[in-house]
C-alpha atoms as a PDB file:
ATOM      1  CA  MET A   1      -9.165  -9.944 -24.209  1.00  0.00           C
ATOM      2  CA  LYS A   2     -10.305 -11.524 -20.995  1.00  0.00           C
ATOM      3  CA  SER A   3      -6.761 -12.904 -20.383  1.00  0.00           C
ATOM      4  CA  LYS A   4      -5.262  -9.475 -20.846  1.00  0.00           C
ATOM      5  CA  LEU A   5      -7.838  -7.942 -18.481  1.00  0.00           C
ATOM      6  CA  ILE A   6      -7.023 -10.532 -15.759  1.00  0.00           C
ATOM      7  CA  GLY A   7      -3.413 -10.008 -16.325  1.00  0.00           C
ATOM      8  CA  SER A   8      -3.736  -6.238 -16.037  1.00  0.00           C
ATOM      9  CA  LEU A   9      -5.705  -6.621 -12.773  1.00  0.00           C
ATOM     10  CA  PHE A  10      -2.951  -8.950 -11.325  1.00  0.00           C
ATOM     11  CA  LEU A  11      -0.377  -6.392 -12.111  1.00  0.00           C
ATOM     12  CA  LEU A  12      -2.547  -3.502 -10.812  1.00  0.00           C
ATOM     13  CA  PHE A  13      -2.732  -5.258  -7.451  1.00  0.00           C
ATOM     14  CA  ALA A  14       0.936  -6.060  -7.666  1.00  0.00           C
ATOM     15  CA  ALA A  15       1.634  -2.320  -7.954  1.00  0.00           C
ATOM     16  CA  ILE A  16      -0.605  -1.737  -4.971  1.00  0.00           C
ATOM     17  CA  GLY A  17       1.262  -4.331  -2.965  1.00  0.00           C
ATOM     18  CA  LEU A  18       4.730  -2.911  -3.882  1.00  0.00           C
ATOM     19  CA  ALA A  19       3.453   0.535  -3.006  1.00  0.00           C
ATOM     20  CA  SER A  20       2.509  -0.759   0.437  1.00  0.00           C
ATOM     21  CA  ALA A  21       5.898  -2.064   0.783  1.00  0.00           C
ATOM     22  CA  THR A  22       7.205   1.522   0.813  1.00  0.00           C
ATOM     23  CA  ILE A  23       4.742   2.568   3.507  1.00  0.00           C
ATOM     24  CA  PHE A  24       5.669  -0.549   5.577  1.00  0.00           C
ATOM     25  CA  MET A  25       9.348   0.398   5.242  1.00  0.00           C
ATOM     26  CA  GLU A  26       8.760   3.998   6.259  1.00  0.00           C
ATOM     27  CA  VAL A  27       6.691   3.068   9.378  1.00  0.00           C
ATOM     28  CA  THR A  28       9.178   0.204  10.294  1.00  0.00           C
ATOM     29  CA  LEU A  29      12.153   2.610  10.209  1.00  0.00           C
ATOM     30  CA  GLU A  30      10.127   4.990  12.351  1.00  0.00           C
ATOM     31  CA  LYS A  31       9.013   2.485  14.899  1.00  0.00           C
ATOM     32  CA  THR A  32      12.229   0.459  15.249  1.00  0.00           C
ATOM     33  CA  SER A  33      15.937   1.077  15.527  1.00  0.00           C
ATOM     34  CA  LEU A  34      16.609  -0.934  12.247  1.00  0.00           C
ATOM     35  CA  ALA A  35      18.482   0.614   9.377  1.00  0.00           C
ATOM     36  CA  PRO A  36      17.042   0.284   5.818  1.00  0.00           C
ATOM     37  CA  PRO A  37      19.438  -2.518   4.769  1.00  0.00           C
ATOM     38  CA  HIS A  38      18.568  -4.561   7.798  1.00  0.00           C
ATOM     39  CA  VAL A  39      14.882  -4.061   7.088  1.00  0.00           C
ATOM     40  CA  SER A  40      15.513  -5.334   3.496  1.00  0.00           C
ATOM     41  CA  ILE A  41      17.273  -8.469   4.807  1.00  0.00           C
ATOM     42  CA  TRP A  42      14.283  -9.280   6.998  1.00  0.00           C
ATOM     43  CA  ARG A  43      11.943  -8.447   4.164  1.00  0.00           C
ATOM     44  CA  PHE A  44      13.299 -11.163   1.943  1.00  0.00           C
ATOM     45  CA  MET A  45      13.850 -13.639   4.813  1.00  0.00           C
ATOM     46  CA  ILE A  46      10.107 -13.404   5.806  1.00  0.00           C
ATOM     47  CA  ALA A  47       8.885 -13.330   2.146  1.00  0.00           C
ATOM     48  CA  ALA A  48      10.855 -16.495   1.191  1.00  0.00           C
ATOM     49  CA  GLY A  49       9.811 -18.198   4.495  1.00  0.00           C
ATOM     50  CA  SER A  50       6.228 -17.335   3.957  1.00  0.00           C
ATOM     51  CA  VAL A  51       6.010 -18.738   0.414  1.00  0.00           C
ATOM     52  CA  TRP A  52       7.785 -21.961   1.453  1.00  0.00           C
ATOM     53  CA  ILE A  53       5.276 -22.421   4.215  1.00  0.00           C
ATOM     54  CA  THR A  54       2.429 -21.663   1.858  1.00  0.00           C
ATOM     55  CA  ILE A  55       3.701 -24.361  -0.570  1.00  0.00           C
ATOM     56  CA  LEU A  56       4.030 -26.891   2.403  1.00  0.00           C
ATOM     57  CA  PHE A  57       0.368 -26.408   3.431  1.00  0.00           C
ATOM     58  CA  LYS A  58      -0.845 -26.160  -0.204  1.00  0.00           C
ATOM     59  CA  LYS A  59       1.081 -29.376  -1.104  1.00  0.00           C
ATOM     60  CA  GLU A  60       1.984 -28.249  -4.568  1.00  0.00           C
ATOM     61  CA  THR A  61       4.737 -30.422  -6.082  1.00  0.00           C
ATOM     62  CA  GLY A  62       5.665 -28.121  -8.949  1.00  0.00           C
ATOM     63  CA  VAL A  63       7.872 -30.857 -10.507  1.00  0.00           C
ATOM     64  CA  LYS A  64       8.432 -28.945 -13.730  1.00  0.00           C
ATOM     65  CA  GLN A  65       9.605 -25.858 -11.804  1.00  0.00           C
ATOM     66  CA  GLU A  66      11.855 -27.620  -9.261  1.00  0.00           C
ATOM     67  CA  SER A  67      13.680 -29.656 -11.884  1.00  0.00           C
ATOM     68  CA  ARG A  68      15.518 -26.459 -12.938  1.00  0.00           C
ATOM     69  CA  PRO A  69      15.408 -24.139  -9.944  1.00  0.00           C
ATOM     70  CA  ILE A  70      18.573 -22.153 -10.932  1.00  0.00           C
ATOM     71  CA  LYS A  71      16.774 -19.929 -13.368  1.00  0.00           C
ATOM     72  CA  PHE A  72      14.285 -18.887 -10.572  1.00  0.00           C
ATOM     73  CA  LEU A  73      17.096 -18.369  -8.112  1.00  0.00           C
ATOM     74  CA  ILE A  74      18.864 -16.062 -10.609  1.00  0.00           C
ATOM     75  CA  LEU A  75      15.559 -14.101 -11.195  1.00  0.00           C
ATOM     76  CA  GLY A  76      15.282 -13.699  -7.369  1.00  0.00           C
ATOM     77  CA  MET A  77      18.813 -12.424  -7.120  1.00  0.00           C
ATOM     78  CA  VAL A  78      18.055  -9.879  -9.883  1.00  0.00           C
ATOM     79  CA  PHE A  79      15.116  -8.630  -7.804  1.00  0.00           C
ATOM     80  CA  GLY A  80      17.243  -8.638  -4.679  1.00  0.00           C
ATOM     81  CA  ILE A  81      19.721  -6.336  -6.614  1.00  0.00           C
ATOM     82  CA  ALA A  82      16.821  -4.018  -7.370  1.00  0.00           C
ATOM     83  CA  GLY A  83      15.710  -3.998  -3.809  1.00  0.00           C
ATOM     84  CA  PHE A  84      19.105  -3.232  -2.247  1.00  0.00           C
ATOM     85  CA  SER A  85      20.079  -0.758  -4.933  1.00  0.00           C
ATOM     86  CA  ALA A  86      16.899   1.197  -4.189  1.00  0.00           C
ATOM     87  CA  ILE A  87      17.886   1.410  -0.481  1.00  0.00           C
ATOM     88  CA  PHE A  88      21.375   2.681  -1.236  1.00  0.00           C
ATOM     89  CA  ALA A  89      20.192   5.092  -3.986  1.00  0.00           C
ATOM     90  CA  LEU A  90      17.582   6.702  -1.780  1.00  0.00           C
ATOM     91  CA  ASN A  91      20.308   7.348   0.782  1.00  0.00           C
ATOM     92  CA  LEU A  92      22.113   9.433  -1.849  1.00  0.00           C
ATOM     93  CA  LEU A  93      19.346  11.018  -3.850  1.00  0.00           C
ATOM     94  CA  PRO A  94      15.973  12.800  -3.111  1.00  0.00           C
ATOM     95  CA  SER A  95      13.162  10.394  -3.574  1.00  0.00           C
ATOM     96  CA  SER A  96      11.660  12.589  -6.373  1.00  0.00           C
ATOM     97  CA  ILE A  97      14.874  12.528  -8.451  1.00  0.00           C
ATOM     98  CA  TYR A  98      15.219   8.773  -7.736  1.00  0.00           C
ATOM     99  CA  VAL A  99      11.683   7.995  -9.050  1.00  0.00           C
ATOM    100  CA  ILE A 100      12.221  10.087 -12.242  1.00  0.00           C
ATOM    101  CA  ILE A 101      15.533   8.246 -13.015  1.00  0.00           C
ATOM    102  CA  LEU A 102      14.190   4.839 -12.017  1.00  0.00           C
ATOM    103  CA  TYR A 103      11.187   4.858 -14.264  1.00  0.00           C
ATOM    104  CA  ILE A 104      13.263   4.724 -17.392  1.00  0.00           C
ATOM    105  CA  TYR A 105      12.971   0.953 -16.948  1.00  0.00           C
ATOM    106  CA  PRO A 106       9.607   0.543 -18.759  1.00  0.00           C
ATOM    107  CA  SER A 107      11.358   2.288 -21.770  1.00  0.00           C
ATOM    108  CA  LEU A 108      14.152  -0.194 -21.597  1.00  0.00           C
ATOM    109  CA  ILE A 109      11.724  -3.041 -21.633  1.00  0.00           C
ATOM    110  CA  VAL A 110       9.965  -1.664 -24.595  1.00  0.00           C
ATOM    111  CA  ILE A 111      13.283  -1.213 -26.514  1.00  0.00           C
ATOM    112  CA  TYR A 112      14.164  -4.782 -25.730  1.00  0.00           C
ATOM    113  CA  SER A 113      10.686  -5.977 -26.840  1.00  0.00           C
ATOM    114  CA  LEU A 114      11.065  -4.121 -30.158  1.00  0.00           C
ATOM    115  CA  ILE A 115      14.570  -5.600 -30.738  1.00  0.00           C
ATOM    116  CA  VAL A 116      13.439  -9.151 -30.220  1.00  0.00           C
ATOM    117  CA  GLY A 117      10.118  -8.724 -32.082  1.00  0.00           C
ATOM    118  CA  LYS A 118       7.716  -9.073 -28.991  1.00  0.00           C
ATOM    119  CA  PRO A 119       4.441  -7.284 -29.264  1.00  0.00           C
ATOM    120  CA  VAL A 120       4.121  -3.748 -27.792  1.00  0.00           C
ATOM    121  CA  PRO A 121       1.160  -1.399 -27.685  1.00  0.00           C
ATOM    122  CA  LYS A 122       0.897   0.668 -30.866  1.00  0.00           C
ATOM    123  CA  LEU A 123       0.466   3.805 -28.824  1.00  0.00           C
ATOM    124  CA  ILE A 124       3.603   3.166 -26.747  1.00  0.00           C
ATOM    125  CA  TRP A 125       5.203   6.294 -28.217  1.00  0.00           C
ATOM    126  CA  LEU A 126       2.449   8.314 -26.601  1.00  0.00           C
ATOM    127  CA  GLY A 127       1.907   6.358 -23.431  1.00  0.00           C
ATOM    128  CA  LEU A 128       5.457   6.200 -22.198  1.00  0.00           C
ATOM    129  CA  PRO A 129       6.100   9.994 -22.312  1.00  0.00           C
ATOM    130  CA  LEU A 130       2.726  10.609 -20.674  1.00  0.00           C
ATOM    131  CA  THR A 131       3.689   8.192 -17.962  1.00  0.00           C
ATOM    132  CA  VAL A 132       7.068   9.885 -17.358  1.00  0.00           C
ATOM    133  CA  LEU A 133       5.347  13.329 -17.328  1.00  0.00           C
ATOM    134  CA  GLY A 134       2.731  12.163 -14.863  1.00  0.00           C
ATOM    135  CA  LEU A 135       5.283  10.609 -12.527  1.00  0.00           C
ATOM    136  CA  PHE A 136       7.376  13.844 -12.706  1.00  0.00           C
ATOM    137  CA  LEU A 137       4.387  15.881 -11.642  1.00  0.00           C
ATOM    138  CA  THR A 138       3.431  13.294  -8.933  1.00  0.00           C
ATOM    139  CA  VAL A 139       6.746  13.207  -7.121  1.00  0.00           C
ATOM    140  CA  PHE A 140       8.776  16.352  -8.059  1.00  0.00           C
ATOM    141  CA  ASP A 141       8.804  19.399  -5.822  1.00  0.00           C
ATOM    142  CA  PHE A 142       9.458  22.432  -7.988  1.00  0.00           C
ATOM    143  CA  GLY A 143      10.469  24.367  -4.898  1.00  0.00           C
ATOM    144  CA  SER A 144      13.462  22.064  -4.190  1.00  0.00           C
ATOM    145  CA  LEU A 145      16.953  22.362  -5.411  1.00  0.00           C
ATOM    146  CA  LEU A 146      17.890  20.017  -8.259  1.00  0.00           C
ATOM    147  CA  ALA A 147      21.011  18.217  -7.032  1.00  0.00           C
ATOM    148  CA  ILE A 148      22.089  14.812  -8.309  1.00  0.00           C
ATOM    149  CA  ASN A 149      24.704  12.760  -6.505  1.00  0.00           C
ATOM    150  CA  PRO A 150      26.750  10.909  -9.228  1.00  0.00           C
ATOM    151  CA  LEU A 151      27.000   7.676  -7.214  1.00  0.00           C
ATOM    152  CA  GLY A 152      23.314   7.861  -6.399  1.00  0.00           C
ATOM    153  CA  PHE A 153      22.619   8.317 -10.110  1.00  0.00           C
ATOM    154  CA  ILE A 154      24.705   5.272 -11.037  1.00  0.00           C
ATOM    155  CA  ILE A 155      23.107   3.150  -8.331  1.00  0.00           C
ATOM    156  CA  THR A 156      19.659   4.208  -9.630  1.00  0.00           C
ATOM    157  CA  ILE A 157      20.527   3.197 -13.124  1.00  0.00           C
ATOM    158  CA  VAL A 158      21.621  -0.153 -11.804  1.00  0.00           C
ATOM    159  CA  ASN A 159      18.241  -0.336 -10.001  1.00  0.00           C
ATOM    160  CA  ALA A 160      16.445   0.453 -13.312  1.00  0.00           C
ATOM    161  CA  LEU A 161      18.388  -2.164 -15.191  1.00  0.00           C
ATOM    162  CA  ALA A 162      17.625  -4.798 -12.481  1.00  0.00           C
ATOM    163  CA  LEU A 163      13.910  -4.059 -12.604  1.00  0.00           C
ATOM    164  CA  ALA A 164      13.930  -4.204 -16.394  1.00  0.00           C
ATOM    165  CA  GLY A 165      15.821  -7.457 -16.227  1.00  0.00           C
ATOM    166  CA  TYR A 166      13.297  -8.859 -13.635  1.00  0.00           C
ATOM    167  CA  PHE A 167      10.277  -8.087 -15.785  1.00  0.00           C
ATOM    168  CA  ILE A 168      11.890  -9.509 -18.908  1.00  0.00           C
ATOM    169  CA  LEU A 169      13.229 -12.665 -17.208  1.00  0.00           C
ATOM    170  CA  SER A 170      10.045 -13.304 -15.244  1.00  0.00           C
ATOM    171  CA  GLU A 171       8.078 -13.371 -18.468  1.00  0.00           C
ATOM    172  CA  ARG A 172      10.523 -15.872 -19.872  1.00  0.00           C
ATOM    173  CA  VAL A 173      11.250 -18.243 -17.016  1.00  0.00           C
ATOM    174  CA  PHE A 174       7.619 -18.608 -15.981  1.00  0.00           C
ATOM    175  CA  MET A 175       6.643 -19.405 -19.629  1.00  0.00           C
ATOM    176  CA  ARG A 176       4.615 -22.600 -19.993  1.00  0.00           C
ATOM    177  CA  VAL A 177       4.707 -23.064 -16.233  1.00  0.00           C
ATOM    178  CA  SER A 178       1.152 -23.832 -15.029  1.00  0.00           C
ATOM    179  CA  SER A 179       1.460 -22.810 -11.392  1.00  0.00           C
ATOM    180  CA  LYS A 180       3.612 -19.750 -10.551  1.00  0.00           C
ATOM    181  CA  LEU A 181       3.764 -20.477  -6.763  1.00  0.00           C
ATOM    182  CA  PRO A 182       6.575 -23.049  -6.791  1.00  0.00           C
ATOM    183  CA  GLY A 183       8.651 -20.930  -9.090  1.00  0.00           C
ATOM    184  CA  THR A 184       8.059 -17.865  -6.830  1.00  0.00           C
ATOM    185  CA  ARG A 185       9.258 -19.974  -3.950  1.00  0.00           C
ATOM    186  CA  TRP A 186      12.688 -20.409  -5.602  1.00  0.00           C
ATOM    187  CA  MET A 187      12.701 -16.885  -6.795  1.00  0.00           C
ATOM    188  CA  LEU A 188      12.246 -15.429  -3.297  1.00  0.00           C
ATOM    189  CA  LEU A 189      14.869 -17.878  -2.057  1.00  0.00           C
ATOM    190  CA  GLY A 190      17.238 -16.371  -4.508  1.00  0.00           C
ATOM    191  CA  SER A 191      16.354 -12.852  -3.170  1.00  0.00           C
ATOM    192  CA  MET A 192      16.897 -14.080   0.339  1.00  0.00           C
ATOM    193  CA  ILE A 193      20.260 -15.592  -0.556  1.00  0.00           C
ATOM    194  CA  PHE A 194      21.346 -12.245  -2.081  1.00  0.00           C
ATOM    195  CA  SER A 195      20.203 -10.312   1.007  1.00  0.00           C
ATOM    196  CA  LEU A 196      22.145 -12.619   3.264  1.00  0.00           C
ATOM    197  CA  LEU A 197      25.374 -11.941   1.278  1.00  0.00           C
ATOM    198  CA  TRP A 198      25.318  -8.518   3.006  1.00  0.00           C
ATOM    199  CA  PHE A 199      25.231 -10.109   6.381  1.00  0.00           C
ATOM    200  CA  PRO A 200      29.099 -10.043   6.844  1.00  0.00           C
ATOM    201  CA  PHE A 201      29.051  -6.255   6.125  1.00  0.00           C
ATOM    202  CA  LEU A 202      25.910  -5.165   7.804  1.00  0.00           C
ATOM    203  CA  GLY A 203      25.270  -7.729  10.540  1.00  0.00           C
ATOM    204  CA  LEU A 204      21.785  -8.883  11.477  1.00  0.00           C
ATOM    205  CA  ARG A 205      19.709  -6.664  13.781  1.00  0.00           C
ATOM    206  CA  PHE A 206      16.403  -7.673  15.413  1.00  0.00           C
ATOM    207  CA  PRO A 207      13.385  -5.490  16.052  1.00  0.00           C
ATOM    208  CA  SER A 208      12.937  -4.760  19.772  1.00  0.00           C
ATOM    209  CA  SER A 209       9.135  -4.953  19.761  1.00  0.00           C
ATOM    210  CA  VAL A 210       6.193  -7.059  18.802  1.00  0.00           C
ATOM    211  CA  GLU A 211       5.009  -4.056  16.633  1.00  0.00           C
ATOM    212  CA  GLY A 212       8.316  -4.103  14.807  1.00  0.00           C
ATOM    213  CA  TRP A 213       7.964  -7.871  14.044  1.00  0.00           C
ATOM    214  CA  LEU A 214       4.323  -7.311  12.845  1.00  0.00           C
ATOM    215  CA  LEU A 215       5.514  -4.482  10.502  1.00  0.00           C
ATOM    216  CA  LEU A 216       8.371  -6.695   9.079  1.00  0.00           C
ATOM    217  CA  THR A 217       5.807  -9.489   8.532  1.00  0.00           C
ATOM    218  CA  GLY A 218       3.527  -7.220   6.686  1.00  0.00           C
ATOM    219  CA  LEU A 219       6.383  -5.964   4.565  1.00  0.00           C
ATOM    220  CA  GLY A 220       7.446  -9.564   3.790  1.00  0.00           C
ATOM    221  CA  ILE A 221       4.078 -10.999   2.939  1.00  0.00           C
ATOM    222  CA  PHE A 222       1.797  -8.206   1.702  1.00  0.00           C
ATOM    223  CA  GLY A 223       4.598  -5.931   0.351  1.00  0.00           C
ATOM    224  CA  THR A 224       6.775  -8.604  -1.198  1.00  0.00           C
ATOM    225  CA  MET A 225       5.558 -12.166  -1.472  1.00  0.00           C
ATOM    226  CA  VAL A 226       1.998 -11.509  -2.637  1.00  0.00           C
ATOM    227  CA  PRO A 227       2.722  -8.731  -5.187  1.00  0.00           C
ATOM    228  CA  LEU A 228       5.628 -10.638  -6.745  1.00  0.00           C
ATOM    229  CA  LEU A 229       3.464 -13.756  -7.097  1.00  0.00           C
ATOM    230  CA  LEU A 230       0.722 -11.613  -8.705  1.00  0.00           C
ATOM    231  CA  ALA A 231       3.296  -9.881 -10.969  1.00  0.00           C
ATOM    232  CA  ASN A 232       4.698 -13.333 -12.023  1.00  0.00           C
ATOM    233  CA  ILE A 233       1.207 -14.384 -13.027  1.00  0.00           C
ATOM    234  CA  GLY A 234       0.171 -11.150 -14.689  1.00  0.00           C
ATOM    235  CA  LEU A 235       3.350 -10.911 -16.800  1.00  0.00           C
ATOM    236  CA  GLN A 236       2.462 -14.139 -18.536  1.00  0.00           C
ATOM    237  CA  LYS A 237      -0.892 -12.858 -19.583  1.00  0.00           C
ATOM    238  CA  ILE A 238       0.071  -9.464 -20.955  1.00  0.00           C
ATOM    239  CA  GLY A 239       3.878  -9.412 -21.328  1.00  0.00           C
ATOM    240  CA  ALA A 240       6.626  -7.342 -19.775  1.00  0.00           C
ATOM    241  CA  ALA A 241       6.141  -4.165 -21.936  1.00  0.00           C
ATOM    242  CA  ARG A 242       2.513  -3.713 -20.917  1.00  0.00           C
ATOM    243  CA  GLY A 243       3.059  -4.993 -17.394  1.00  0.00           C
ATOM    244  CA  SER A 244       5.833  -2.551 -16.626  1.00  0.00           C
ATOM    245  CA  VAL A 245       3.659   0.423 -17.517  1.00  0.00           C
ATOM    246  CA  ILE A 246       0.951  -0.807 -15.121  1.00  0.00           C
ATOM    247  CA  VAL A 247       3.538  -1.227 -12.310  1.00  0.00           C
ATOM    248  CA  SER A 248       4.489   2.383 -12.990  1.00  0.00           C
ATOM    249  CA  LEU A 249       1.382   3.270 -11.043  1.00  0.00           C
ATOM    250  CA  GLN A 250       3.339   2.314  -7.909  1.00  0.00           C
ATOM    251  CA  PRO A 251       4.529   5.849  -7.096  1.00  0.00           C
ATOM    252  CA  VAL A 252       0.936   7.152  -7.533  1.00  0.00           C
ATOM    253  CA  PHE A 253      -0.263   4.590  -5.051  1.00  0.00           C
ATOM    254  CA  ILE A 254       2.542   5.495  -2.636  1.00  0.00           C
ATOM    255  CA  VAL A 255       1.445   9.142  -2.711  1.00  0.00           C
ATOM    256  CA  LEU A 256      -2.146   8.113  -2.086  1.00  0.00           C
ATOM    257  CA  PHE A 257      -1.248   5.719   0.742  1.00  0.00           C
ATOM    258  CA  SER A 258       0.945   8.500   2.367  1.00  0.00           C
ATOM    259  CA  THR A 259      -2.095  10.781   2.249  1.00  0.00           C
ATOM    260  CA  LEU A 260      -4.347   8.070   3.780  1.00  0.00           C
ATOM    261  CA  PHE A 261      -2.024   6.495   6.329  1.00  0.00           C
ATOM    262  CA  LEU A 262       0.727   9.122   7.010  1.00  0.00           C
ATOM    263  CA  GLY A 263      -1.334  12.254   7.066  1.00  0.00           C
ATOM    264  CA  GLU A 264       0.387  13.843   4.054  1.00  0.00           C
ATOM    265  CA  THR A 265      -1.650  16.127   1.671  1.00  0.00           C
ATOM    266  CA  LEU A 266      -1.899  15.959  -2.058  1.00  0.00           C
ATOM    267  CA  SER A 267      -1.245  19.146  -4.168  1.00  0.00           C
ATOM    268  CA  ASN A 268      -3.055  19.949  -7.430  1.00  0.00           C
ATOM    269  CA  GLN A 269       0.153  19.126  -9.215  1.00  0.00           C
ATOM    270  CA  GLN A 270       0.156  15.620  -7.705  1.00  0.00           C
ATOM    271  CA  TRP A 271      -3.456  15.020  -8.574  1.00  0.00           C
ATOM    272  CA  LEU A 272      -2.819  16.099 -12.197  1.00  0.00           C
ATOM    273  CA  GLY A 273       0.288  13.768 -12.355  1.00  0.00           C
ATOM    274  CA  GLY A 274      -1.557  10.848 -10.910  1.00  0.00           C
ATOM    275  CA  MET A 275      -4.403  11.252 -13.386  1.00  0.00           C
ATOM    276  CA  LEU A 276      -1.847  11.479 -16.318  1.00  0.00           C
ATOM    277  CA  VAL A 277      -0.189   8.252 -15.255  1.00  0.00           C
ATOM    278  CA  VAL A 278      -3.666   6.535 -14.965  1.00  0.00           C
ATOM    279  CA  ALA A 279      -4.670   7.873 -18.302  1.00  0.00           C
ATOM    280  CA  ALA A 280      -1.439   6.531 -19.901  1.00  0.00           C
ATOM    281  CA  VAL A 281      -1.999   3.036 -18.453  1.00  0.00           C
ATOM    282  CA  ILE A 282      -5.586   2.971 -19.668  1.00  0.00           C
ATOM    283  CA  LEU A 283      -4.446   4.207 -23.134  1.00  0.00           C
ATOM    284  CA  LEU A 284      -1.823   1.517 -23.380  1.00  0.00           C
ATOM    285  CA  GLN A 285      -4.069  -1.254 -22.255  1.00  0.00           C
ATOM    286  CA  LEU A 286      -6.692  -0.327 -24.833  1.00  0.00           C
ATOM    287  CA  SER A 287      -4.121   0.025 -27.605  1.00  0.00           C
ATOM    288  CA  ALA A 288      -3.706  -2.838 -29.989  1.00  0.00           C
ATOM    289  CA  ASP A 289      -0.334  -4.594 -30.324  1.00  0.00           C
ATOM    290  CA  ARG A 290       2.229  -3.965 -33.003  1.00  0.00           C
ATOM    291  CA  LYS A 291       5.099  -6.368 -33.926  1.00  0.00           C
ATOM    292  CA  VAL A 292       8.385  -5.734 -35.546  1.00  0.00           C
ATOM    293  CA  HIS A 293       8.899  -9.229 -36.882  1.00  0.00           C
ATOM    294  CA  ASP A 294       7.515 -12.634 -36.465  1.00  0.00           C
ATOM    295  CA  GLU A 295       7.567 -13.887 -32.839  1.00  0.00           C
ATOM    296  CA  GLY A 296       8.078 -17.363 -34.118  1.00  0.00           C
ATOM    297  CA  SER A 297      11.743 -16.597 -34.575  1.00  0.00           C
ATOM    298  CA  GLU A 298      12.171 -16.347 -30.752  1.00  0.00           C
ATOM    299  CA  GLY A 299      13.602 -19.042 -28.611  1.00  0.00           C
ATOM    300  CA  ALA A 300      11.618 -20.924 -26.042  1.00  0.00           C
END
């Protein structure tokens, strides 16, 4: 029980960190001449560099992790796909529609968990619809026109699949690894490599002010490196199914941060939606696990 509580707290803070990434991104775009893809390239470069510097000063050898870095590199590339597909999808879809489509990914993780016989909360059938309803109320503007760009829809589905893949693979590749920091180093290197693949198409632009560099540094460290490290730790304690639902709080935190730091106001609809998501998370964390078949049949 204590391990699950600690894991839930790690993922809660991961959700807060990932939500701060959205605010950092918005402010960076406002304060600099950088386009969203260029900000994403710098995001992963700074995040990867920061964790490698942290390892250097911490002097963690991580022999077990470094003996097979390819799986961590692949995990990082999967997250890189999620990051860049989000950028391109938001250029084609309203953010409210994007969020509603994107957050099918916890359901995909639950379906996967049921298929392979991993434990999922018994009340998942109630918690997931409650989460979706809460997110819908939090982000959707009923006064707006409902228009879905087909390409934006497809890219968002790719984004959802990549996020589901990240949660599932993170739980697996970090299994029985005592320290998650060295593995996160290779993971973020994979994300950086994926981001640099866009360099021939997008080029590399630099922020023109110290403020711009500070915002990019905040995005790379507090909006990327720290929350991903926390997520990699937390997923080992509570699993991908529960973990993905906690991270579903991310849009709720984005709305709250927008209110606190960007001067936006919360409607009664958004308050209700946020409370429904929080209630769903609490409900699922208190719910006991159910299993489809013996976990002993799984591979390592």
